[in-house]
Amino acid sequence: EMWAAPFFSAFIAGYMVYDEMHYASHHFPLKSKVGLSVKHHHMKHHYQNEALGYGVSSPLWDYVFGTTFPEKETISS
């Protein structure tokens, strides 16, 4: 089919971005606001609850698949 090559190319490109973000979140000192957000989100996956937070480069996928972290509860007086 004519759609197979573009779909496969987009899938591979997306996976490469995901894999690079995952590697960077573990091995590079991310200092930008976006980089720190990605790293913080991903570290919660490893150290808070390994069954949640699979959206490494974007928490969007956690909303799609229901793997978001629970909101912190606030204590009101």
N, C-alpha and C. Protein backbone atom coordinates (compact mmCIF):
# COMPACT_ATOMS: atom_id res chain seq x y z
N GLU A 1 0.83 -1.19 0.00
CA GLU A 1 0.00 0.00 0.00
C GLU A 1 0.87 1.25 0.00
N MET A 2 0.29 2.35 -0.48
CA MET A 2 1.04 3.60 -0.55
C MET A 2 1.22 4.24 0.82
N TRP A 3 0.40 3.92 1.80
CA TRP A 3 0.49 4.54 3.12
C TRP A 3 1.51 3.86 4.01
N ALA A 4 1.95 2.66 3.66
CA ALA A 4 2.81 1.87 4.54
C ALA A 4 4.17 2.53 4.77
N ALA A 5 4.82 2.99 3.72
CA ALA A 5 6.15 3.59 3.88
C ALA A 5 6.10 4.87 4.71
N PRO A 6 5.17 5.82 4.44
CA PRO A 6 5.12 7.02 5.29
C PRO A 6 4.75 6.69 6.74
N PHE A 7 3.84 5.76 6.95
CA PHE A 7 3.46 5.37 8.31
C PHE A 7 4.65 4.77 9.04
N PHE A 8 5.35 3.86 8.41
CA PHE A 8 6.51 3.22 9.01
C PHE A 8 7.59 4.24 9.33
N SER A 9 7.84 5.17 8.40
CA SER A 9 8.84 6.21 8.61
C SER A 9 8.47 7.09 9.80
N ALA A 10 7.21 7.49 9.90
CA ALA A 10 6.76 8.32 11.02
C ALA A 10 6.85 7.54 12.34
N PHE A 11 6.52 6.27 12.31
CA PHE A 11 6.61 5.45 13.52
C PHE A 11 8.05 5.35 14.00
N ILE A 12 8.97 5.09 13.09
CA ILE A 12 10.39 4.97 13.44
C ILE A 12 10.91 6.32 13.95
N ALA A 13 10.56 7.42 13.30
CA ALA A 13 11.00 8.75 13.74
C ALA A 13 10.46 9.05 15.14
N GLY A 14 9.20 8.75 15.39
CA GLY A 14 8.61 8.96 16.71
C GLY A 14 9.29 8.12 17.78
N TYR A 15 9.59 6.89 17.45
CA TYR A 15 10.27 6.02 18.41
C TYR A 15 11.67 6.53 18.71
N MET A 16 12.35 7.03 17.70
CA MET A 16 13.70 7.56 17.91
C MET A 16 13.67 8.78 18.84
N VAL A 17 12.69 9.66 18.67
CA VAL A 17 12.56 10.81 19.56
C VAL A 17 12.28 10.33 20.98
N TYR A 18 11.37 9.40 21.13
CA TYR A 18 11.07 8.82 22.44
C TYR A 18 12.33 8.25 23.09
N ASP A 19 13.08 7.45 22.35
CA ASP A 19 14.26 6.79 22.89
C ASP A 19 15.34 7.80 23.26
N GLU A 20 15.51 8.83 22.46
CA GLU A 20 16.49 9.88 22.78
C GLU A 20 16.08 10.64 24.03
N MET A 21 14.79 10.93 24.19
CA MET A 21 14.32 11.62 25.39
C MET A 21 14.52 10.74 26.63
N HIS A 22 14.26 9.46 26.50
CA HIS A 22 14.46 8.54 27.61
C HIS A 22 15.93 8.50 28.00
N TYR A 23 16.81 8.37 27.04
CA TYR A 23 18.25 8.34 27.31
C TYR A 23 18.70 9.65 27.96
N ALA A 24 18.26 10.77 27.40
CA ALA A 24 18.65 12.08 27.94
C ALA A 24 18.16 12.27 29.36
N SER A 25 16.95 11.79 29.66
CA SER A 25 16.42 11.97 31.01
C SER A 25 17.24 11.22 32.05
N HIS A 26 17.99 10.22 31.63
CA HIS A 26 18.83 9.47 32.55
C HIS A 26 20.28 9.94 32.57
N HIS A 27 20.78 10.48 31.45
CA HIS A 27 22.21 10.68 31.32
C HIS A 27 22.68 12.12 31.10
N PHE A 28 21.79 13.06 30.90
CA PHE A 28 22.21 14.44 30.64
C PHE A 28 21.61 15.38 31.67
N PRO A 29 22.35 16.43 32.01
CA PRO A 29 21.80 17.43 32.94
C PRO A 29 20.84 18.37 32.21
N LEU A 30 19.59 18.02 32.17
CA LEU A 30 18.58 18.83 31.49
C LEU A 30 18.29 20.06 32.34
N LYS A 31 18.45 21.26 31.78
CA LYS A 31 18.33 22.49 32.55
C LYS A 31 17.19 23.38 32.11
N SER A 32 16.64 23.15 30.94
CA SER A 32 15.53 23.99 30.48
C SER A 32 14.27 23.62 31.25
N LYS A 33 13.29 24.49 31.21
CA LYS A 33 12.03 24.22 31.90
C LYS A 33 11.37 22.95 31.37
N VAL A 34 11.38 22.79 30.06
CA VAL A 34 10.79 21.59 29.44
C VAL A 34 11.60 20.36 29.80
N GLY A 35 12.91 20.46 29.70
CA GLY A 35 13.77 19.32 30.02
C GLY A 35 13.62 18.87 31.46
N LEU A 36 13.56 19.82 32.38
CA LEU A 36 13.37 19.48 33.79
C LEU A 36 12.01 18.84 34.04
N SER A 37 11.00 19.31 33.33
CA SER A 37 9.67 18.74 33.47
C SER A 37 9.66 17.29 32.99
N VAL A 38 10.28 17.04 31.84
CA VAL A 38 10.35 15.67 31.30
C VAL A 38 11.10 14.76 32.27
N LYS A 39 12.25 15.25 32.77
CA LYS A 39 13.06 14.43 33.67
C LYS A 39 12.31 14.15 34.98
N HIS A 40 11.67 15.16 35.54
CA HIS A 40 10.91 14.99 36.78
C HIS A 40 9.80 13.96 36.59
N HIS A 41 9.07 14.06 35.49
CA HIS A 41 7.98 13.13 35.21
C HIS A 41 8.51 11.70 35.08
N HIS A 42 9.61 11.56 34.37
CA HIS A 42 10.15 10.22 34.14
C HIS A 42 10.74 9.62 35.42
N MET A 43 11.38 10.44 36.24
CA MET A 43 11.95 9.92 37.48
C MET A 43 10.85 9.47 38.45
N LYS A 44 9.69 10.12 38.38
CA LYS A 44 8.56 9.65 39.19
C LYS A 44 8.18 8.23 38.77
N HIS A 45 8.29 7.94 37.49
CA HIS A 45 8.00 6.59 36.98
C HIS A 45 8.94 5.58 37.64
N HIS A 46 10.22 5.91 37.73
CA HIS A 46 11.19 4.96 38.28
C HIS A 46 11.16 4.88 39.79
N TYR A 47 10.94 6.00 40.47
CA TYR A 47 11.13 6.02 41.91
C TYR A 47 9.86 6.22 42.73
N GLN A 48 8.74 6.57 42.11
CA GLN A 48 7.50 6.72 42.86
C GLN A 48 6.56 5.55 42.61
N ASN A 49 6.34 5.23 41.32
CA ASN A 49 5.44 4.13 40.98
C ASN A 49 5.77 3.66 39.57
N GLU A 50 6.43 2.53 39.48
CA GLU A 50 6.88 2.03 38.17
C GLU A 50 5.73 1.57 37.27
N ALA A 51 4.54 1.46 37.83
CA ALA A 51 3.38 1.06 37.03
C ALA A 51 2.68 2.26 36.39
N LEU A 52 3.17 3.47 36.66
CA LEU A 52 2.58 4.69 36.10
C LEU A 52 3.65 5.50 35.38
N GLY A 53 3.23 6.50 34.62
CA GLY A 53 4.16 7.44 34.02
C GLY A 53 4.97 6.91 32.86
N TYR A 54 4.34 6.23 31.94
CA TYR A 54 5.07 5.70 30.78
C TYR A 54 5.24 6.71 29.66
N GLY A 55 4.61 7.87 29.77
CA GLY A 55 4.77 8.90 28.74
C GLY A 55 6.09 9.63 28.95
N VAL A 56 7.18 9.04 28.52
CA VAL A 56 8.52 9.55 28.81
C VAL A 56 8.73 10.95 28.25
N SER A 57 8.45 11.15 27.00
CA SER A 57 8.70 12.46 26.41
C SER A 57 7.51 13.39 26.51
N SER A 58 6.36 12.87 26.94
CA SER A 58 5.18 13.69 27.09
C SER A 58 4.18 12.97 27.98
N PRO A 59 3.65 13.67 28.99
CA PRO A 59 2.62 13.03 29.81
C PRO A 59 1.30 12.81 29.06
N LEU A 60 1.21 13.31 27.84
CA LEU A 60 0.01 13.11 27.02
C LEU A 60 -0.37 11.64 26.96
N TRP A 61 0.61 10.76 26.75
CA TRP A 61 0.31 9.34 26.61
C TRP A 61 -0.17 8.73 27.91
N ASP A 62 0.22 9.32 29.04
CA ASP A 62 -0.30 8.84 30.31
C ASP A 62 -1.79 9.15 30.45
N TYR A 63 -2.22 10.29 29.91
CA TYR A 63 -3.65 10.61 29.92
C TYR A 63 -4.41 9.68 28.97
N VAL A 64 -3.81 9.40 27.83
CA VAL A 64 -4.46 8.51 26.84
C VAL A 64 -4.63 7.11 27.41
N PHE A 65 -3.59 6.57 28.07
CA PHE A 65 -3.62 5.19 28.54
C PHE A 65 -3.96 5.04 30.01
N GLY A 66 -4.25 6.15 30.70
CA GLY A 66 -4.65 6.08 32.09
C GLY A 66 -3.52 5.74 33.05
N THR A 67 -2.31 6.18 32.74
CA THR A 67 -1.17 5.88 33.61
C THR A 67 -0.61 7.15 34.26
N THR A 68 -1.48 8.14 34.50
CA THR A 68 -1.04 9.38 35.14
C THR A 68 -0.82 9.15 36.63
N PHE A 69 0.01 9.98 37.22
CA PHE A 69 0.24 9.94 38.66
C PHE A 69 -0.92 10.64 39.35
N PRO A 70 -1.31 10.16 40.52
CA PRO A 70 -2.39 10.83 41.25
C PRO A 70 -1.95 12.23 41.67
N GLU A 71 -2.91 13.15 41.71
CA GLU A 71 -2.64 14.50 42.17
C GLU A 71 -2.32 14.43 43.66
N LYS A 72 -1.44 15.33 44.11
CA LYS A 72 -1.14 15.37 45.54
C LYS A 72 -2.38 15.88 46.27
N GLU A 73 -2.65 15.24 47.37
CA GLU A 73 -3.80 15.67 48.18
C GLU A 73 -3.39 16.88 48.99
N THR A 74 -4.29 17.84 49.10
CA THR A 74 -4.02 19.02 49.91
C THR A 74 -4.84 18.92 51.19
N ILE A 75 -4.26 19.38 52.25
CA ILE A 75 -4.95 19.36 53.54
C ILE A 75 -5.56 20.74 53.75
N SER A 76 -6.86 20.77 53.91
CA SER A 76 -7.53 22.05 54.14
C SER A 76 -7.98 22.11 55.59
N SER A 77 -7.99 23.31 56.12
CA SER A 77 -8.40 23.45 57.52
C SER A 77 -9.83 23.85 57.65
